[in-house]
Amino acid sequence: MAMWQNVKWARKMSNSVERETGGNKPLRIGVLASGNGSNLQALIDRSADGTLPAEVSCVISNNASAFALERARRHGIPALHL
């Protein structure tokens, strides 16, 4: 996904999350991943910079070697392989 698409997607998600939570608190989300985790990284980055009022609370993968699990661990997010 091109960077501009990630930004556009993050803005759309941000608006949706604010409607769902009333803008009062960040939404806690779990991420399912099986590969590199580039979309996970986009969520982590947007959460960190305040663009997305949500926090990634866990990452779950069916692939023990998925780099997404390592990305999660590097950011202190619980990561689990099933």
N, C-alpha and C. Protein backbone atom coordinates (compact mmCIF):
# COMPACT_ATOMS: atom_id res chain seq x y z
N MET A 1 0.85 -1.17 0.00
CA MET A 1 0.00 0.00 0.00
C MET A 1 0.90 1.23 0.00
N ALA A 2 0.62 2.17 -0.85
CA ALA A 2 1.40 3.40 -0.93
C ALA A 2 1.17 4.25 0.33
N MET A 3 2.17 5.06 0.65
CA MET A 3 2.10 5.88 1.87
C MET A 3 0.85 6.75 1.90
N TRP A 4 0.50 7.38 0.76
CA TRP A 4 -0.69 8.24 0.75
C TRP A 4 -1.94 7.44 1.03
N GLN A 5 -1.96 6.15 0.62
CA GLN A 5 -3.12 5.31 0.90
C GLN A 5 -3.19 4.99 2.40
N ASN A 6 -2.03 4.77 3.03
CA ASN A 6 -2.00 4.52 4.47
C ASN A 6 -2.54 5.73 5.23
N VAL A 7 -2.13 6.92 4.83
CA VAL A 7 -2.60 8.13 5.50
C VAL A 7 -4.09 8.32 5.31
N LYS A 8 -4.57 8.11 4.09
CA LYS A 8 -6.00 8.23 3.80
C LYS A 8 -6.79 7.22 4.63
N TRP A 9 -6.28 5.99 4.71
CA TRP A 9 -6.94 4.94 5.47
C TRP A 9 -6.95 5.30 6.96
N ALA A 10 -5.82 5.81 7.49
CA ALA A 10 -5.73 6.17 8.90
C ALA A 10 -6.72 7.28 9.24
N ARG A 11 -6.86 8.27 8.36
CA ARG A 11 -7.82 9.35 8.61
C ARG A 11 -9.24 8.82 8.65
N LYS A 12 -9.56 7.92 7.72
CA LYS A 12 -10.90 7.33 7.68
C LYS A 12 -11.16 6.55 8.97
N MET A 13 -10.17 5.76 9.41
CA MET A 13 -10.31 4.99 10.64
C MET A 13 -10.45 5.92 11.85
N SER A 14 -9.69 6.99 11.87
CA SER A 14 -9.74 7.94 12.97
C SER A 14 -11.13 8.52 13.13
N ASN A 15 -11.73 8.93 12.03
CA ASN A 15 -13.08 9.48 12.08
C ASN A 15 -14.07 8.45 12.59
N SER A 16 -13.92 7.21 12.14
CA SER A 16 -14.81 6.14 12.55
C SER A 16 -14.66 5.85 14.04
N VAL A 17 -13.43 5.80 14.52
CA VAL A 17 -13.17 5.52 15.93
C VAL A 17 -13.74 6.62 16.81
N GLU A 18 -13.56 7.87 16.42
CA GLU A 18 -14.10 8.98 17.21
C GLU A 18 -15.61 8.89 17.33
N ARG A 19 -16.29 8.49 16.25
CA ARG A 19 -17.74 8.32 16.32
C ARG A 19 -18.11 7.21 17.29
N GLU A 20 -17.37 6.10 17.25
CA GLU A 20 -17.68 4.94 18.08
C GLU A 20 -17.40 5.19 19.57
N THR A 21 -16.33 5.91 19.87
CA THR A 21 -15.94 6.10 21.27
C THR A 21 -16.39 7.43 21.84
N GLY A 22 -16.98 8.28 21.03
CA GLY A 22 -17.37 9.60 21.48
C GLY A 22 -16.17 10.52 21.64
N GLY A 23 -15.01 10.07 21.15
CA GLY A 23 -13.81 10.88 21.21
C GLY A 23 -13.20 10.99 22.59
N ASN A 24 -13.75 10.26 23.58
CA ASN A 24 -13.29 10.40 24.97
C ASN A 24 -12.09 9.54 25.32
N LYS A 25 -11.97 8.38 24.74
CA LYS A 25 -10.88 7.48 25.09
C LYS A 25 -10.46 6.69 23.86
N PRO A 26 -9.22 6.25 23.84
CA PRO A 26 -8.77 5.48 22.68
C PRO A 26 -9.44 4.10 22.64
N LEU A 27 -9.73 3.68 21.48
CA LEU A 27 -10.29 2.35 21.26
C LEU A 27 -9.17 1.34 21.34
N ARG A 28 -9.37 0.25 22.04
CA ARG A 28 -8.36 -0.82 22.11
C ARG A 28 -8.66 -1.82 21.01
N ILE A 29 -7.66 -2.10 20.19
CA ILE A 29 -7.88 -3.02 19.07
C ILE A 29 -6.86 -4.15 19.11
N GLY A 30 -7.29 -5.31 18.65
CA GLY A 30 -6.42 -6.46 18.45
C GLY A 30 -6.21 -6.62 16.95
N VAL A 31 -5.02 -7.05 16.58
CA VAL A 31 -4.67 -7.18 15.17
C VAL A 31 -4.36 -8.64 14.87
N LEU A 32 -4.96 -9.15 13.80
CA LEU A 32 -4.64 -10.48 13.28
C LEU A 32 -3.68 -10.30 12.12
N ALA A 33 -2.56 -11.00 12.15
CA ALA A 33 -1.54 -10.84 11.11
C ALA A 33 -0.92 -12.19 10.79
N SER A 34 -0.47 -12.35 9.55
CA SER A 34 0.19 -13.60 9.18
C SER A 34 1.50 -13.37 8.45
N GLY A 35 1.88 -12.11 8.27
CA GLY A 35 3.09 -11.84 7.49
C GLY A 35 3.95 -10.73 8.08
N ASN A 36 4.36 -9.83 7.22
CA ASN A 36 5.31 -8.78 7.55
C ASN A 36 4.79 -7.79 8.58
N GLY A 37 3.52 -7.48 8.56
CA GLY A 37 2.95 -6.56 9.53
C GLY A 37 3.05 -5.09 9.16
N SER A 38 3.09 -4.80 7.85
CA SER A 38 3.19 -3.39 7.44
C SER A 38 1.94 -2.61 7.83
N ASN A 39 0.78 -3.22 7.75
CA ASN A 39 -0.44 -2.52 8.19
C ASN A 39 -0.45 -2.36 9.71
N LEU A 40 0.06 -3.35 10.42
CA LEU A 40 0.21 -3.24 11.86
C LEU A 40 1.10 -2.04 12.19
N GLN A 41 2.21 -1.91 11.49
CA GLN A 41 3.13 -0.79 11.75
C GLN A 41 2.45 0.54 11.50
N ALA A 42 1.62 0.61 10.47
CA ALA A 42 0.88 1.85 10.19
C ALA A 42 -0.05 2.17 11.36
N LEU A 43 -0.72 1.17 11.91
CA LEU A 43 -1.60 1.39 13.06
C LEU A 43 -0.81 1.85 14.27
N ILE A 44 0.33 1.22 14.52
CA ILE A 44 1.18 1.60 15.65
C ILE A 44 1.65 3.05 15.49
N ASP A 45 2.11 3.38 14.30
CA ASP A 45 2.62 4.74 14.05
C ASP A 45 1.52 5.79 14.21
N ARG A 46 0.35 5.52 13.64
CA ARG A 46 -0.74 6.50 13.73
C ARG A 46 -1.25 6.62 15.15
N SER A 47 -1.24 5.54 15.89
CA SER A 47 -1.64 5.59 17.29
C SER A 47 -0.63 6.43 18.08
N ALA A 48 0.64 6.24 17.81
CA ALA A 48 1.70 6.95 18.53
C ALA A 48 1.68 8.45 18.24
N ASP A 49 1.36 8.82 16.99
CA ASP A 49 1.39 10.26 16.66
C ASP A 49 0.04 10.94 16.90
N GLY A 50 -0.95 10.19 17.39
CA GLY A 50 -2.24 10.76 17.73
C GLY A 50 -3.22 10.88 16.58
N THR A 51 -2.82 10.46 15.40
CA THR A 51 -3.71 10.52 14.23
C THR A 51 -4.87 9.55 14.38
N LEU A 52 -4.60 8.41 14.99
CA LEU A 52 -5.62 7.39 15.20
C LEU A 52 -5.86 7.25 16.70
N PRO A 53 -7.05 7.62 17.18
CA PRO A 53 -7.32 7.55 18.62
C PRO A 53 -7.62 6.11 19.06
N ALA A 54 -6.63 5.26 18.88
CA ALA A 54 -6.77 3.85 19.23
C ALA A 54 -5.41 3.34 19.67
N GLU A 55 -5.42 2.23 20.41
CA GLU A 55 -4.17 1.60 20.78
C GLU A 55 -4.25 0.12 20.41
N VAL A 56 -3.16 -0.39 19.89
CA VAL A 56 -3.08 -1.81 19.56
C VAL A 56 -2.81 -2.53 20.88
N SER A 57 -3.73 -3.38 21.30
CA SER A 57 -3.60 -4.03 22.60
C SER A 57 -3.04 -5.44 22.51
N CYS A 58 -3.10 -6.06 21.32
CA CYS A 58 -2.50 -7.37 21.14
C CYS A 58 -2.39 -7.69 19.65
N VAL A 59 -1.48 -8.60 19.33
CA VAL A 59 -1.31 -9.08 17.96
C VAL A 59 -1.32 -10.59 18.00
N ILE A 60 -2.11 -11.19 17.14
CA ILE A 60 -2.24 -12.65 17.08
C ILE A 60 -1.93 -13.10 15.66
N SER A 61 -1.15 -14.18 15.56
CA SER A 61 -0.80 -14.70 14.24
C SER A 61 -0.89 -16.22 14.21
N ASN A 62 -1.20 -16.74 13.04
CA ASN A 62 -1.19 -18.18 12.82
C ASN A 62 0.15 -18.64 12.27
N ASN A 63 1.10 -17.70 12.13
CA ASN A 63 2.40 -17.97 11.55
C ASN A 63 3.47 -17.60 12.57
N ALA A 64 4.15 -18.59 13.13
CA ALA A 64 5.15 -18.34 14.17
C ALA A 64 6.29 -17.45 13.70
N SER A 65 6.57 -17.45 12.41
CA SER A 65 7.69 -16.65 11.89
C SER A 65 7.23 -15.31 11.31
N ALA A 66 5.99 -14.92 11.53
CA ALA A 66 5.48 -13.64 11.01
C ALA A 66 6.24 -12.48 11.67
N PHE A 67 6.78 -11.60 10.87
CA PHE A 67 7.52 -10.45 11.39
C PHE A 67 6.61 -9.52 12.18
N ALA A 68 5.31 -9.60 11.93
CA ALA A 68 4.35 -8.78 12.68
C ALA A 68 4.48 -9.05 14.18
N LEU A 69 4.76 -10.28 14.57
CA LEU A 69 4.92 -10.61 15.99
C LEU A 69 6.12 -9.88 16.57
N GLU A 70 7.21 -9.82 15.82
CA GLU A 70 8.40 -9.09 16.26
C GLU A 70 8.12 -7.60 16.34
N ARG A 71 7.41 -7.06 15.35
CA ARG A 71 7.05 -5.63 15.39
C ARG A 71 6.28 -5.32 16.67
N ALA A 72 5.33 -6.17 17.00
CA ALA A 72 4.52 -5.96 18.20
C ALA A 72 5.41 -5.98 19.45
N ARG A 73 6.26 -6.99 19.56
CA ARG A 73 7.12 -7.11 20.74
C ARG A 73 8.04 -5.91 20.89
N ARG A 74 8.55 -5.39 19.79
CA ARG A 74 9.44 -4.22 19.83
C ARG A 74 8.72 -2.99 20.40
N HIS A 75 7.41 -2.98 20.28
CA HIS A 75 6.62 -1.84 20.78
C HIS A 75 5.93 -2.16 22.11
N GLY A 76 6.29 -3.29 22.70
CA GLY A 76 5.71 -3.65 24.00
C GLY A 76 4.28 -4.13 23.93
N ILE A 77 3.86 -4.59 22.75
CA ILE A 77 2.50 -5.07 22.56
C ILE A 77 2.50 -6.59 22.69
N PRO A 78 1.64 -7.17 23.51
CA PRO A 78 1.59 -8.62 23.62
C PRO A 78 1.35 -9.26 22.26
N ALA A 79 2.15 -10.29 21.95
CA ALA A 79 2.06 -10.98 20.66
C ALA A 79 1.95 -12.47 20.90
N LEU A 80 1.03 -13.09 20.18
CA LEU A 80 0.75 -14.52 20.40
C LEU A 80 0.67 -15.25 19.07
N HIS A 81 1.30 -16.43 19.04
CA HIS A 81 1.16 -17.31 17.88
C HIS A 81 0.22 -18.45 18.28
N LEU A 82 -0.76 -18.71 17.43
CA LEU A 82 -1.70 -19.83 17.69
C LEU A 82 -1.32 -21.03 16.87
